[in-house]
Amino acid sequence: MERPTWAPQGIDLSVPSVSRIYDYYLGGSHNFEVDREAGRRAMEAFPGLPKIMQANRAFMRRAVRHAVGEGVTQFLDIGSGIPTFGNVHEIAQAADPRSHVVYVDHDPVAVAHGRAVLEGDPRSAVLPADLRKPHDILTSDEVGRLLDLDRPVALLLVAVLHFVEDQDDPWAAVAELRDALAPGSLLVLTHATTESGPIRPEEGRGVSGVYRNVGSPLLMRSRPEVARFFDGFEMVEPGLVAMPDWRPDPVRRAGGADDDPAMYVGFAGVGRKP
């Protein structure tokens, strides 16, 4: 297989990547046949996966605009994946050009492509790091250069916590990040579940099995388990809800994509640190 210019050396192109599978769901071009095959297997278990990812991205954009509307112009996006059109820095800087963004991902492909996309943008950067090691993120040069932790920050954990197993205690990682943030900071979160929308538990297990086979366990957590991530935060209305139900755009096209039941699979919420 010929290696494209955006794929860094040392990456095994025969092994699926969660970031590239996500890119495939969104209709992106930074994925390989091995990623598309894994994505197709997951869609055999639940065909609505691309609609879930679209709802996830739409929620993220609304939440970013909400943050800027609340005066928060610093963003720490952990588990950011491969930047695609309408990502955090584009939405935030369109709302307020002073916005600063640090993307964090442990996938070298996502990091390499993110750096290419952000070249020449002095207000954004990509950091190779792991959510499970918050200290490394908080003390990084990128965070020190672009984010003032004495001022409110929007912490984005969008479609990432369900890839962290219980044994790695993702709740403790979120709490460590929370404690480092100033009052007025926001937690923006989405999480996979089989408790909302039309997905059945056996379909959820089928999707999880595909991801486990590519080395990235996917956990479908319950509402109480997801709500625990907001400990120490005050929930912003309307609380922890299905992604399309979090402050939907005022006008929805009748019969449009927002009407697909699959988009209601998964939890979304925003919390504010008092």
Protein backbone atom coordinates (compact mmCIF):
# COMPACT_ATOMS: atom_id res chain seq x y z
CA MET A 1 0.00 0.00 0.00
CA GLU A 2 1.35 3.41 -0.98
CA ARG A 3 1.66 5.66 2.05
CA PRO A 4 -0.16 8.99 1.60
CA THR A 5 1.65 12.16 2.61
CA TRP A 6 -0.65 12.73 5.61
CA ALA A 7 0.11 9.33 7.19
CA PRO A 8 3.25 9.52 9.37
CA GLN A 9 6.07 7.04 9.04
CA GLY A 10 5.97 4.16 11.50
CA ILE A 11 2.18 3.74 11.33
CA ASP A 12 1.02 0.24 10.41
CA LEU A 13 -1.47 0.89 7.62
CA SER A 14 -2.85 -2.64 7.95
CA VAL A 15 -4.21 -1.99 11.48
CA PRO A 16 -7.53 -0.10 11.88
CA SER A 17 -7.51 3.21 13.76
CA VAL A 18 -10.45 4.49 15.81
CA SER A 19 -9.75 8.03 14.56
CA ARG A 20 -9.78 6.92 10.92
CA ILE A 21 -12.93 4.80 11.41
CA TYR A 22 -14.62 7.91 12.81
CA ASP A 23 -13.39 9.88 9.82
CA TYR A 24 -14.93 7.23 7.56
CA TYR A 25 -18.30 7.52 9.32
CA LEU A 26 -18.22 11.29 8.72
CA GLY A 27 -17.46 10.86 5.03
CA GLY A 28 -13.85 12.01 5.33
CA SER A 29 -10.91 11.03 3.15
CA HIS A 30 -8.30 10.22 5.81
CA ASN A 31 -8.96 6.51 6.17
CA PHE A 32 -7.87 3.25 4.58
CA GLU A 33 -9.72 0.16 3.43
CA VAL A 34 -8.85 -1.58 6.70
CA ASP A 35 -10.65 1.24 8.57
CA ARG A 36 -13.61 1.16 6.19
CA GLU A 37 -13.92 -2.60 6.61
CA ALA A 38 -13.98 -2.25 10.41
CA GLY A 39 -16.57 0.51 10.07
CA ARG A 40 -18.73 -1.64 7.80
CA ARG A 41 -18.58 -4.52 10.29
CA ALA A 42 -19.71 -2.18 13.07
CA MET A 43 -22.53 -0.89 10.86
CA GLU A 44 -23.66 -4.48 10.27
CA ALA A 45 -24.30 -4.60 14.01
CA PHE A 46 -25.98 -1.17 14.02
CA PRO A 47 -26.47 0.59 10.66
CA GLY A 48 -27.16 3.96 12.28
CA LEU A 49 -23.57 4.59 13.38
CA PRO A 50 -22.82 7.35 10.83
CA LYS A 51 -25.94 9.22 11.97
CA ILE A 52 -24.76 8.96 15.57
CA MET A 53 -21.41 10.48 14.60
CA GLN A 54 -23.12 13.30 12.71
CA ALA A 55 -25.29 14.04 15.75
CA ASN A 56 -22.16 13.97 17.90
CA ARG A 57 -20.44 16.56 15.71
CA ALA A 58 -23.54 18.75 15.55
CA PHE A 59 -23.81 18.74 19.37
CA MET A 60 -20.12 19.63 19.66
CA ARG A 61 -20.57 22.64 17.40
CA ARG A 62 -23.59 23.87 19.37
CA ALA A 63 -21.73 23.41 22.65
CA VAL A 64 -18.71 25.35 21.39
CA ARG A 65 -20.93 28.24 20.31
CA HIS A 66 -22.61 28.11 23.73
CA ALA A 67 -19.22 28.29 25.44
CA VAL A 68 -18.18 31.35 23.45
CA GLY A 69 -21.56 32.91 24.20
CA GLU A 70 -20.77 32.44 27.89
CA GLY A 71 -17.44 34.21 27.44
CA VAL A 72 -15.28 31.07 27.37
CA THR A 73 -12.74 31.35 24.56
CA GLN A 74 -10.25 28.67 25.64
CA PHE A 75 -10.79 25.08 24.55
CA LEU A 76 -9.05 21.84 25.54
CA ASP A 77 -10.33 19.10 23.23
CA ILE A 78 -9.12 15.68 24.44
CA GLY A 79 -9.61 12.72 22.12
CA SER A 80 -10.10 15.14 19.25
CA GLY A 81 -9.45 12.67 16.43
CA ILE A 82 -8.68 13.77 12.88
CA PRO A 83 -9.75 17.41 12.36
CA THR A 84 -12.52 17.68 9.78
CA PHE A 85 -14.54 20.57 8.42
CA GLY A 86 -16.33 22.48 11.18
CA ASN A 87 -13.99 21.44 13.98
CA VAL A 88 -13.57 23.25 17.29
CA HIS A 89 -11.06 25.91 16.22
CA GLU A 90 -13.15 26.86 13.17
CA ILE A 91 -16.39 27.16 15.14
CA ALA A 92 -14.80 28.94 18.10
CA GLN A 93 -12.74 31.39 16.05
CA ALA A 94 -15.72 32.19 13.84
CA ALA A 95 -17.63 33.14 16.99
CA ASP A 96 -14.66 34.95 18.59
CA PRO A 97 -11.34 35.29 16.71
CA ARG A 98 -9.50 35.44 20.03
CA SER A 99 -10.35 31.81 20.82
CA HIS A 100 -7.47 29.45 21.60
CA VAL A 101 -7.69 25.68 21.11
CA VAL A 102 -5.46 22.78 22.15
CA TYR A 103 -6.34 19.44 20.57
CA VAL A 104 -5.15 16.28 22.32
CA ASP A 105 -5.03 12.78 20.89
CA HIS A 106 -2.90 9.69 21.38
CA ASP A 107 -3.34 8.53 17.75
CA PRO A 108 -0.23 9.57 15.74
CA VAL A 109 -2.31 9.82 12.57
CA ALA A 110 -4.72 12.28 14.20
CA VAL A 111 -1.81 14.30 15.59
CA ALA A 112 0.07 14.42 12.28
CA HIS A 113 -2.96 15.44 10.27
CA GLY A 114 -4.05 17.95 12.90
CA ARG A 115 -0.66 19.66 12.78
CA ALA A 116 -0.91 19.92 9.00
CA VAL A 117 -4.39 21.45 9.22
CA LEU A 118 -3.37 23.94 11.91
CA GLU A 119 -0.09 25.04 10.34
CA GLY A 120 0.07 28.80 10.46
CA ASP A 121 -2.63 29.16 13.13
CA PRO A 122 -0.92 30.71 16.18
CA ARG A 123 -4.00 30.20 18.37
CA SER A 124 -4.30 26.41 17.95
CA ALA A 125 -2.06 23.42 18.53
CA VAL A 126 -2.14 19.61 18.66
CA LEU A 127 -0.68 17.69 21.58
CA PRO A 128 0.17 13.96 21.47
CA ALA A 129 -1.02 12.74 24.87
CA ASP A 130 -3.42 10.35 26.58
CA LEU A 131 -6.56 11.21 28.57
CA ARG A 132 -5.48 8.64 31.14
CA LYS A 133 -2.49 10.85 32.02
CA PRO A 134 -4.01 14.26 32.80
CA HIS A 135 -0.79 15.58 34.36
CA ASP A 136 1.05 15.22 31.05
CA ILE A 137 -1.67 17.25 29.32
CA LEU A 138 -1.91 19.97 31.95
CA THR A 139 1.85 20.53 32.14
CA SER A 140 2.50 20.36 28.40
CA ASP A 141 4.15 23.19 26.49
CA GLU A 142 1.08 23.50 24.27
CA VAL A 143 -1.29 24.06 27.17
CA GLY A 144 1.18 26.39 28.89
CA ARG A 145 1.55 28.46 25.72
CA LEU A 146 -2.07 28.71 24.60
CA LEU A 147 -4.30 28.28 27.67
CA ASP A 148 -4.45 30.32 30.86
CA LEU A 149 -5.74 27.86 33.45
CA ASP A 150 -6.52 30.73 35.79
CA ARG A 151 -9.33 31.67 33.40
CA PRO A 152 -12.29 29.48 32.34
CA VAL A 153 -11.62 26.70 29.86
CA ALA A 154 -14.07 24.53 27.95
CA LEU A 155 -12.93 20.93 28.41
CA LEU A 156 -14.23 18.79 25.55
CA LEU A 157 -14.47 15.03 26.10
CA VAL A 158 -16.56 14.23 23.05
CA ALA A 159 -16.92 10.54 22.13
CA VAL A 160 -13.74 9.57 23.99
CA LEU A 161 -14.59 8.41 27.52
CA HIS A 162 -16.34 5.29 26.23
CA PHE A 163 -12.91 4.12 25.01
CA VAL A 164 -11.44 4.25 28.54
CA GLU A 165 -12.07 1.09 30.57
CA ASP A 166 -13.26 1.14 34.17
CA GLN A 167 -9.96 -0.31 35.34
CA ASP A 168 -8.25 2.89 34.14
CA ASP A 169 -10.69 4.98 36.22
CA PRO A 170 -11.79 7.63 33.71
CA TRP A 171 -13.76 9.34 36.50
CA ALA A 172 -10.51 10.07 38.35
CA ALA A 173 -8.94 11.46 35.17
CA VAL A 174 -11.89 13.81 34.62
CA ALA A 175 -11.76 14.89 38.27
CA GLU A 176 -8.04 15.72 37.98
CA LEU A 177 -8.71 17.83 34.91
CA ARG A 178 -11.67 19.49 36.64
CA ASP A 179 -9.61 20.41 39.67
CA ALA A 180 -7.03 22.14 37.46
CA LEU A 181 -9.63 24.37 35.81
CA ALA A 182 -10.84 27.76 36.98
CA PRO A 183 -14.40 28.42 38.17
CA GLY A 184 -16.66 29.09 35.22
CA SER A 185 -15.02 26.35 33.16
CA LEU A 186 -17.22 23.99 31.20
CA LEU A 187 -17.22 20.23 30.67
CA VAL A 188 -18.62 19.23 27.25
CA LEU A 189 -19.21 15.50 27.01
CA THR A 190 -20.80 12.78 24.89
CA HIS A 191 -20.85 9.07 25.64
CA ALA A 192 -22.07 5.88 24.00
CA THR A 193 -24.96 4.00 25.61
CA THR A 194 -27.69 1.49 24.82
CA GLU A 195 -30.13 3.33 27.13
CA SER A 196 -31.26 5.93 24.59
CA GLY A 197 -32.51 5.78 21.02
CA PRO A 198 -33.37 2.67 18.99
CA ILE A 199 -30.24 0.62 19.70
CA ARG A 200 -30.79 -2.73 21.41
CA PRO A 201 -28.31 -4.15 23.94
CA GLU A 202 -27.33 -6.95 21.56
CA GLU A 203 -26.61 -4.39 18.83
CA GLY A 204 -24.48 -2.44 21.28
CA ARG A 205 -22.56 -5.58 22.12
CA GLY A 206 -22.02 -6.21 18.42
CA VAL A 207 -20.57 -2.74 17.88
CA SER A 208 -18.41 -3.06 21.00
CA GLY A 209 -17.11 -6.40 19.76
CA VAL A 210 -15.86 -4.87 16.52
CA TYR A 211 -13.97 -2.15 18.39
CA ARG A 212 -12.56 -4.65 20.85
CA ASN A 213 -11.22 -6.68 17.94
CA VAL A 214 -9.33 -3.64 16.63
CA GLY A 215 -7.82 -3.02 20.07
CA SER A 216 -10.10 -0.25 21.32
CA PRO A 217 -12.76 -1.51 23.74
CA LEU A 218 -15.99 0.50 23.51
CA LEU A 219 -18.03 0.68 26.71
CA MET A 220 -21.77 1.39 26.68
CA ARG A 221 -22.23 3.03 30.08
CA SER A 222 -25.48 3.70 31.95
CA ARG A 223 -26.94 7.13 32.68
CA PRO A 224 -25.73 7.10 36.33
CA GLU A 225 -22.22 6.09 35.21
CA VAL A 226 -22.09 8.92 32.67
CA ALA A 227 -23.60 11.41 35.12
CA ARG A 228 -20.70 10.67 37.52
CA PHE A 229 -18.34 12.45 35.11
CA PHE A 230 -20.14 15.68 35.98
CA ASP A 231 -19.37 15.42 39.71
CA GLY A 232 -18.21 18.88 40.77
CA PHE A 233 -20.00 20.55 37.88
CA GLU A 234 -23.44 22.15 37.73
CA MET A 235 -25.40 20.77 34.79
CA VAL A 236 -26.39 23.29 32.15
CA GLU A 237 -29.97 22.99 30.95
CA PRO A 238 -31.40 20.72 29.60
CA GLY A 239 -29.07 18.36 31.50
CA LEU A 240 -27.87 14.96 30.32
CA VAL A 241 -29.93 14.17 27.22
CA ALA A 242 -29.81 12.59 23.78
CA MET A 243 -27.47 14.55 21.51
CA PRO A 244 -30.10 16.19 19.25
CA ASP A 245 -32.05 17.30 22.34
CA TRP A 246 -29.24 19.44 23.75
CA ARG A 247 -30.22 23.00 22.79
CA PRO A 248 -31.20 22.12 19.21
CA ASP A 249 -30.93 24.74 16.51
CA PRO A 250 -34.13 26.84 16.39
CA VAL A 251 -35.05 25.66 12.89
CA ARG A 252 -34.92 22.02 11.86
CA ARG A 253 -35.77 20.99 8.32
CA ALA A 254 -38.84 18.77 8.35
CA GLY A 255 -37.86 15.30 7.30
CA GLY A 256 -34.19 16.19 7.55
CA ALA A 257 -31.29 14.25 9.02
CA ASP A 258 -32.21 15.35 12.55
CA ASP A 259 -35.32 13.16 12.32
CA ASP A 260 -33.33 9.91 12.04
CA PRO A 261 -33.97 7.90 15.25
CA ALA A 262 -30.36 6.65 15.31
CA MET A 263 -29.20 10.17 16.16
CA TYR A 264 -30.81 9.78 19.59
CA VAL A 265 -28.37 7.02 20.61
CA GLY A 266 -25.89 8.33 23.19
CA PHE A 267 -25.80 10.90 25.99
CA ALA A 268 -24.67 14.51 25.75
CA GLY A 269 -24.31 17.20 28.38
CA VAL A 270 -22.52 20.35 29.46
CA GLY A 271 -21.54 21.18 33.03
CA ARG A 272 -20.20 24.39 34.57
CA LYS A 273 -17.66 24.46 37.38
CA PRO A 274 -18.99 26.74 40.12
